[in-house]
Amino acid sequence: MIKTKKVTPEISVSAQPSPKDLALIHTLGFKSIVSNRPDGEAIDQSLYEEMRQAAIYAGLEAAYLPIEESGPTGEDVEKMADLLKALPTPILAYCETGARCEALVIALMAKEA
């Protein structure tokens, strides 16, 4: 079972789901996913293209904004702001554990404050 953490009304975060989890994620009310996990970070991870295809099949929009382990940059925050305007909400952002996604959303909220 995928565990999500609501950070704002529009964005929740989680560890990386499997492609099979995306139908459940849609059932939970999410409209979009954002992958913040770079492809190739782990041998056993599902790559973005596989996740994108599974998302489309599940009725979700998908976007790819890889965040390095060092954390989000100012450019990453700008790109996430653009995705928030472009994608249907609520959005589920994921990375390996959800920590980078949460840092990105917190940086976005600080920028908008």
C-alpha atoms as a PDB file:
ATOM      1  CA  MET A   1       0.000   0.000   0.000  1.00  0.00           C
ATOM      2  CA  ILE A   2       1.340   3.388  -0.974  1.00  0.00           C
ATOM      3  CA  LYS A   3       1.558   5.963   1.828  1.00  0.00           C
ATOM      4  CA  THR A   4       1.089   9.586   0.830  1.00  0.00           C
ATOM      5  CA  LYS A   5       1.772  12.752   2.811  1.00  0.00           C
ATOM      6  CA  LYS A   6      -0.244  15.875   2.025  1.00  0.00           C
ATOM      7  CA  VAL A   7       2.074  18.912   1.990  1.00  0.00           C
ATOM      8  CA  THR A   8      -0.342  21.440   0.468  1.00  0.00           C
ATOM      9  CA  PRO A   9      -3.954  21.092  -0.688  1.00  0.00           C
ATOM     10  CA  GLU A  10      -2.614  20.595  -4.234  1.00  0.00           C
ATOM     11  CA  ILE A  11       0.486  18.433  -3.652  1.00  0.00           C
ATOM     12  CA  SER A  12       1.181  15.245  -1.729  1.00  0.00           C
ATOM     13  CA  VAL A  13       4.442  13.297  -1.681  1.00  0.00           C
ATOM     14  CA  SER A  14       5.427   9.642  -1.392  1.00  0.00           C
ATOM     15  CA  ALA A  15       8.134   7.118  -1.958  1.00  0.00           C
ATOM     16  CA  GLN A  16       8.196   5.796  -5.503  1.00  0.00           C
ATOM     17  CA  PRO A  17       5.103   3.754  -6.274  1.00  0.00           C
ATOM     18  CA  SER A  18       5.155   0.828  -8.634  1.00  0.00           C
ATOM     19  CA  PRO A  19       3.399   1.106 -11.991  1.00  0.00           C
ATOM     20  CA  LYS A  20       0.730  -1.217 -10.541  1.00  0.00           C
ATOM     21  CA  ASP A  21       0.000   1.337  -7.792  1.00  0.00           C
ATOM     22  CA  LEU A  22      -1.037   4.070 -10.225  1.00  0.00           C
ATOM     23  CA  ALA A  23      -4.622   2.867 -10.627  1.00  0.00           C
ATOM     24  CA  LEU A  24      -4.992   3.019  -6.832  1.00  0.00           C
ATOM     25  CA  ILE A  25      -3.400   6.473  -6.794  1.00  0.00           C
ATOM     26  CA  HIS A  26      -6.052   7.598  -9.296  1.00  0.00           C
ATOM     27  CA  THR A  27      -8.741   6.028  -7.112  1.00  0.00           C
ATOM     28  CA  LEU A  28      -7.419   8.038  -4.152  1.00  0.00           C
ATOM     29  CA  GLY A  29      -8.311  11.176  -6.116  1.00  0.00           C
ATOM     30  CA  PHE A  30      -4.982  12.215  -7.586  1.00  0.00           C
ATOM     31  CA  LYS A  31      -5.097  13.671 -11.082  1.00  0.00           C
ATOM     32  CA  SER A  32      -1.349  13.849 -11.836  1.00  0.00           C
ATOM     33  CA  ILE A  33       2.003  12.411 -10.809  1.00  0.00           C
ATOM     34  CA  VAL A  34       5.392  14.098 -10.898  1.00  0.00           C
ATOM     35  CA  SER A  35       8.494  11.951 -10.838  1.00  0.00           C
ATOM     36  CA  ASN A  36      11.244  13.710  -8.926  1.00  0.00           C
ATOM     37  CA  ARG A  37      13.433  10.597  -8.995  1.00  0.00           C
ATOM     38  CA  PRO A  38      16.199  10.558 -11.611  1.00  0.00           C
ATOM     39  CA  ASP A  39      16.157   7.521 -13.889  1.00  0.00           C
ATOM     40  CA  GLY A  40      18.880   5.009 -13.072  1.00  0.00           C
ATOM     41  CA  GLU A  41      19.163   5.912  -9.408  1.00  0.00           C
ATOM     42  CA  ALA A  42      18.622   2.278  -8.403  1.00  0.00           C
ATOM     43  CA  ILE A  43      18.776  -0.966 -10.329  1.00  0.00           C
ATOM     44  CA  ASP A  44      15.276  -2.036  -9.316  1.00  0.00           C
ATOM     45  CA  GLN A  45      13.390   1.234  -9.854  1.00  0.00           C
ATOM     46  CA  SER A  46      10.768   1.698 -12.525  1.00  0.00           C
ATOM     47  CA  LEU A  47      11.995   4.275 -15.028  1.00  0.00           C
ATOM     48  CA  TYR A  48       9.945   7.363 -15.835  1.00  0.00           C
ATOM     49  CA  GLU A  49       8.777   6.181 -19.265  1.00  0.00           C
ATOM     50  CA  GLU A  50       7.282   3.029 -17.735  1.00  0.00           C
ATOM     51  CA  MET A  51       5.620   5.132 -15.026  1.00  0.00           C
ATOM     52  CA  ARG A  52       4.321   7.625 -17.610  1.00  0.00           C
ATOM     53  CA  GLN A  53       2.725   4.886 -19.680  1.00  0.00           C
ATOM     54  CA  ALA A  54       1.149   3.287 -16.589  1.00  0.00           C
ATOM     55  CA  ALA A  55      -0.101   6.708 -15.469  1.00  0.00           C
ATOM     56  CA  ILE A  56      -1.792   7.354 -18.797  1.00  0.00           C
ATOM     57  CA  TYR A  57      -3.419   3.917 -18.630  1.00  0.00           C
ATOM     58  CA  ALA A  58      -4.651   4.726 -15.096  1.00  0.00           C
ATOM     59  CA  GLY A  59      -6.079   8.100 -16.177  1.00  0.00           C
ATOM     60  CA  LEU A  60      -3.351  10.306 -14.689  1.00  0.00           C
ATOM     61  CA  GLU A  61      -1.242  13.087 -16.168  1.00  0.00           C
ATOM     62  CA  ALA A  62       2.506  12.612 -15.687  1.00  0.00           C
ATOM     63  CA  ALA A  63       5.581  14.829 -15.620  1.00  0.00           C
ATOM     64  CA  TYR A  64       9.296  14.275 -15.027  1.00  0.00           C
ATOM     65  CA  LEU A  65      11.323  16.702 -12.909  1.00  0.00           C
ATOM     66  CA  PRO A  66      14.336  14.789 -11.564  1.00  0.00           C
ATOM     67  CA  ILE A  67      15.827  16.174  -8.346  1.00  0.00           C
ATOM     68  CA  GLU A  68      19.373  15.187  -7.422  1.00  0.00           C
ATOM     69  CA  GLU A  69      20.092  13.751  -3.963  1.00  0.00           C
ATOM     70  CA  SER A  70      21.631  17.093  -2.945  1.00  0.00           C
ATOM     71  CA  GLY A  71      18.145  18.610  -3.071  1.00  0.00           C
ATOM     72  CA  PRO A  72      16.170  21.019  -5.230  1.00  0.00           C
ATOM     73  CA  THR A  73      17.777  23.999  -6.946  1.00  0.00           C
ATOM     74  CA  GLY A  74      16.146  27.340  -7.645  1.00  0.00           C
ATOM     75  CA  GLU A  75      15.574  26.176 -11.211  1.00  0.00           C
ATOM     76  CA  ASP A  76      13.828  23.026  -9.904  1.00  0.00           C
ATOM     77  CA  VAL A  77      11.513  25.200  -7.797  1.00  0.00           C
ATOM     78  CA  GLU A  78      10.642  27.326 -10.849  1.00  0.00           C
ATOM     79  CA  LYS A  79       9.917  24.220 -12.934  1.00  0.00           C
ATOM     80  CA  MET A  80       7.713  22.765 -10.184  1.00  0.00           C
ATOM     81  CA  ALA A  81       5.790  26.055 -10.030  1.00  0.00           C
ATOM     82  CA  ASP A  82       5.198  25.761 -13.773  1.00  0.00           C
ATOM     83  CA  LEU A  83       4.037  22.137 -13.399  1.00  0.00           C
ATOM     84  CA  LEU A  84       1.644  23.140 -10.640  1.00  0.00           C
ATOM     85  CA  LYS A  85       0.050  25.623 -13.060  1.00  0.00           C
ATOM     86  CA  ALA A  86      -0.040  23.145 -15.968  1.00  0.00           C
ATOM     87  CA  LEU A  87      -1.110  19.856 -14.381  1.00  0.00           C
ATOM     88  CA  PRO A  88      -4.502  18.963 -12.968  1.00  0.00           C
ATOM     89  CA  THR A  89      -4.481  18.787  -9.179  1.00  0.00           C
ATOM     90  CA  PRO A  90      -4.153  17.141  -6.760  1.00  0.00           C
ATOM     91  CA  ILE A  91      -0.643  16.020  -7.680  1.00  0.00           C
ATOM     92  CA  LEU A  92       1.361  13.185  -6.161  1.00  0.00           C
ATOM     93  CA  ALA A  93       5.109  13.849  -6.387  1.00  0.00           C
ATOM     94  CA  TYR A  94       7.430  10.948  -5.721  1.00  0.00           C
ATOM     95  CA  CYS A  95      11.117  10.145  -5.344  1.00  0.00           C
ATOM     96  CA  GLU A  96      12.956   7.355  -3.521  1.00  0.00           C
ATOM     97  CA  THR A  97      11.546   8.188  -0.074  1.00  0.00           C
ATOM     98  CA  GLY A  98       9.496  11.345  -0.654  1.00  0.00           C
ATOM     99  CA  ALA A  99      12.034  13.573   1.146  1.00  0.00           C
ATOM    100  CA  ARG A 100      13.319  15.393  -1.959  1.00  0.00           C
ATOM    101  CA  CYS A 101       9.755  16.001  -3.115  1.00  0.00           C
ATOM    102  CA  GLU A 102       8.824  17.435   0.246  1.00  0.00           C
ATOM    103  CA  ALA A 103      11.905  19.698   0.233  1.00  0.00           C
ATOM    104  CA  LEU A 104      10.918  20.879  -3.250  1.00  0.00           C
ATOM    105  CA  VAL A 105       7.349  21.696  -2.207  1.00  0.00           C
ATOM    106  CA  ILE A 106       8.524  23.467   0.960  1.00  0.00           C
ATOM    107  CA  ALA A 107      10.946  25.557  -1.145  1.00  0.00           C
ATOM    108  CA  LEU A 108       8.083  26.347  -3.523  1.00  0.00           C
ATOM    109  CA  MET A 109       5.844  27.452  -0.652  1.00  0.00           C
ATOM    110  CA  ALA A 110       8.643  29.649   0.759  1.00  0.00           C
ATOM    111  CA  LYS A 111       9.121  31.262  -2.651  1.00  0.00           C
ATOM    112  CA  GLU A 112       5.426  32.034  -2.964  1.00  0.00           C
ATOM    113  CA  ALA A 113       5.158  33.451   0.590  1.00  0.00           C
END
